[in-house]
Amino acid sequence: MALFNILGGDALGEGLGNAAFLDLFAGTGRVGIEALRRGASFVVMVEVSRDRAREVERVVAGEFAESGRAVVLSLELRRAVAWLLRRERTFDVVFADPPYNQGWGKALLHTKGLTELLRPEGVLVVEHASREALDVPAPWVVTDSRFYGETALTFLKKT
């Protein structure tokens, strides 16, 4: 997965080992599960669909039973952010793969509380359609962009 090759290089400095990882719009959970496999200390996967979230929970329970390293939340983005903030959770990596061409490129980075979830040296990675521009407000700054056909990965940090 290109994401983890990049994170293992310059994006985090020391790679993914021991990082706290947040997977927004988790879908099947493949990214969060891969983060666990690659040594993330703790992973939260957020998926609004209850059915998908239950399936991700089953996979996590089967492969990482009793590890205590993963939480699956079936919440809408804003509610998930608020839930995590109330529990004072922060992350080294926040990964967001929202549905393409549904306006998330304009809205995601404006989500209230999102900046507070990222640790000072952390990285936010947004996967989006390469034709869909992100609206990047302060305090976010783009540090890297990678394009893979119809898909783009945009890496951001807080200033």
Protein backbone atom coordinates (compact mmCIF):
# COMPACT_ATOMS: atom_id res chain seq x y z
CA MET A 1 0.00 0.00 0.00
CA ALA A 2 1.54 3.30 -1.10
CA LEU A 3 0.26 5.08 2.01
CA PHE A 4 2.33 2.95 4.37
CA ASN A 5 5.43 3.12 2.19
CA ILE A 6 5.24 6.91 2.39
CA LEU A 7 4.49 6.93 6.12
CA GLY A 8 7.42 4.59 6.67
CA GLY A 9 9.65 7.11 4.90
CA ASP A 10 9.56 10.85 5.39
CA ALA A 11 5.96 11.58 6.39
CA LEU A 12 6.36 10.60 10.05
CA GLY A 13 10.11 10.58 10.34
CA GLU A 14 10.36 7.29 12.25
CA GLY A 15 7.71 5.33 10.39
CA LEU A 16 4.46 3.85 11.67
CA GLY A 17 5.77 1.76 14.56
CA ASN A 18 4.05 2.67 17.82
CA ALA A 19 1.90 5.42 16.22
CA ALA A 20 -1.68 6.14 17.24
CA PHE A 21 -3.72 5.92 14.02
CA LEU A 22 -7.22 7.23 13.22
CA ASP A 23 -9.00 5.87 10.14
CA LEU A 24 -11.96 8.09 9.22
CA PHE A 25 -14.47 6.75 6.67
CA ALA A 26 -13.06 3.29 7.38
CA GLY A 27 -15.30 1.31 5.01
CA THR A 28 -14.02 -2.26 5.13
CA GLY A 29 -11.36 -1.30 7.67
CA ARG A 30 -8.49 -2.35 5.39
CA VAL A 31 -6.37 0.75 6.14
CA GLY A 32 -6.83 0.62 9.91
CA ILE A 33 -6.22 -3.13 9.97
CA GLU A 34 -3.06 -2.67 7.92
CA ALA A 35 -1.91 -0.01 10.40
CA LEU A 36 -2.35 -2.58 13.20
CA ARG A 37 -0.40 -5.16 11.22
CA ARG A 38 2.40 -2.64 10.71
CA GLY A 39 2.79 -1.94 14.41
CA ALA A 40 0.48 0.98 15.23
CA SER A 41 0.04 1.07 18.99
CA PHE A 42 -3.64 2.02 18.81
CA VAL A 43 -6.13 2.36 15.95
CA VAL A 44 -9.58 3.90 15.88
CA MET A 45 -11.70 3.14 12.81
CA VAL A 46 -14.76 5.28 12.15
CA GLU A 47 -17.46 4.01 9.80
CA VAL A 48 -20.96 5.48 9.67
CA SER A 49 -22.55 2.27 8.31
CA ARG A 50 -23.45 0.01 11.23
CA ASP A 51 -23.26 -3.11 9.06
CA ARG A 52 -19.78 -2.28 7.81
CA ALA A 53 -18.65 -1.31 11.31
CA ARG A 54 -19.85 -4.68 12.66
CA GLU A 55 -17.95 -6.50 9.93
CA VAL A 56 -14.77 -4.55 10.75
CA GLU A 57 -15.27 -5.40 14.44
CA ARG A 58 -15.50 -9.10 13.53
CA VAL A 59 -12.24 -8.97 11.55
CA VAL A 60 -10.46 -7.04 14.31
CA ALA A 61 -11.75 -9.42 16.99
CA GLY A 62 -10.59 -12.42 14.97
CA GLU A 63 -7.12 -11.16 14.17
CA PHE A 64 -6.35 -8.91 17.13
CA ALA A 65 -8.40 -10.55 19.87
CA GLU A 66 -7.72 -9.19 23.32
CA SER A 67 -4.99 -6.85 22.10
CA GLY A 68 -6.92 -3.76 23.16
CA ARG A 69 -5.29 -1.92 20.28
CA ALA A 70 -8.38 -1.20 18.18
CA VAL A 71 -11.73 0.52 18.52
CA VAL A 72 -14.43 0.63 15.84
CA LEU A 73 -16.93 3.48 16.02
CA SER A 74 -20.17 3.53 14.04
CA LEU A 75 -20.65 7.29 14.08
CA GLU A 76 -20.96 10.14 11.61
CA LEU A 77 -17.72 12.15 11.23
CA ARG A 78 -18.63 15.13 13.41
CA ARG A 79 -19.98 12.93 16.20
CA ALA A 80 -16.89 10.71 16.06
CA VAL A 81 -14.58 13.73 16.33
CA ALA A 82 -16.55 15.04 19.32
CA TRP A 83 -16.49 11.56 20.95
CA LEU A 84 -12.71 11.33 20.54
CA LEU A 85 -12.15 14.86 21.85
CA ARG A 86 -14.22 14.12 24.98
CA ARG A 87 -11.90 11.18 25.63
CA GLU A 88 -8.82 13.33 24.96
CA ARG A 89 -7.61 11.03 22.19
CA THR A 90 -4.89 12.33 19.88
CA PHE A 91 -3.21 10.68 16.92
CA ASP A 92 0.08 10.59 15.05
CA VAL A 93 -1.73 9.76 11.81
CA VAL A 94 -5.25 10.69 10.79
CA PHE A 95 -6.29 9.05 7.53
CA ALA A 96 -9.49 10.12 5.76
CA ASP A 97 -10.89 8.46 2.66
CA PRO A 98 -14.30 10.11 2.25
CA PRO A 99 -16.64 9.22 -0.61
CA TYR A 100 -15.39 10.79 -3.83
CA ASN A 101 -17.19 13.66 -5.54
CA GLN A 102 -19.64 14.30 -2.70
CA GLY A 103 -18.25 17.62 -1.48
CA TRP A 104 -15.88 16.27 1.16
CA GLY A 105 -12.93 17.96 -0.56
CA LYS A 106 -14.48 21.27 0.40
CA ALA A 107 -15.82 20.26 3.84
CA LEU A 108 -13.48 17.76 5.51
CA LEU A 109 -10.70 20.10 6.60
CA HIS A 110 -13.26 22.50 8.07
CA THR A 111 -14.62 19.85 10.47
CA LYS A 112 -14.75 21.33 13.95
CA GLY A 113 -12.21 19.67 16.26
CA LEU A 114 -10.28 17.80 13.58
CA THR A 115 -7.09 19.81 14.20
CA GLU A 116 -7.20 18.99 17.92
CA LEU A 117 -7.11 15.25 17.18
CA LEU A 118 -3.71 15.48 15.50
CA ARG A 119 -0.58 15.49 17.66
CA PRO A 120 1.86 18.38 17.04
CA GLU A 121 4.16 16.37 14.75
CA GLY A 122 1.36 14.26 13.31
CA VAL A 123 0.16 13.99 9.73
CA LEU A 124 -3.31 14.09 8.20
CA VAL A 125 -3.63 12.10 4.99
CA VAL A 126 -6.62 12.62 2.74
CA GLU A 127 -7.34 10.18 -0.06
CA HIS A 128 -9.52 11.80 -2.72
CA ALA A 129 -10.30 11.84 -6.41
CA SER A 130 -7.34 13.41 -8.21
CA ARG A 131 -9.73 15.82 -9.95
CA GLU A 132 -11.31 16.90 -6.66
CA ALA A 133 -9.46 19.83 -5.09
CA LEU A 134 -9.20 20.10 -1.32
CA ASP A 135 -10.10 23.38 0.37
CA VAL A 136 -7.13 23.83 2.70
CA PRO A 137 -7.79 26.40 5.45
CA ALA A 138 -5.34 27.55 8.13
CA PRO A 139 -3.86 25.97 10.21
CA TRP A 140 -3.44 23.13 7.67
CA VAL A 141 -0.54 23.14 5.22
CA VAL A 142 0.00 20.64 2.41
CA THR A 143 3.38 18.93 2.78
CA ASP A 144 3.10 16.40 -0.06
CA SER A 145 0.72 15.15 -2.74
CA ARG A 146 0.91 11.87 -4.63
CA PHE A 147 -1.21 10.95 -7.62
CA TYR A 148 -2.15 7.42 -8.65
CA GLY A 149 -4.40 7.65 -11.72
CA GLU A 150 -7.84 8.74 -10.52
CA THR A 151 -6.73 8.79 -6.85
CA ALA A 152 -4.64 11.29 -4.91
CA LEU A 153 -3.09 11.20 -1.45
CA THR A 154 -2.64 14.64 0.11
CA PHE A 155 -0.47 14.94 3.24
CA LEU A 156 -1.10 17.83 5.63
CA LYS A 157 0.33 19.09 8.89
CA LYS A 158 -0.75 21.79 11.32
CA THR A 159 1.21 25.03 11.39
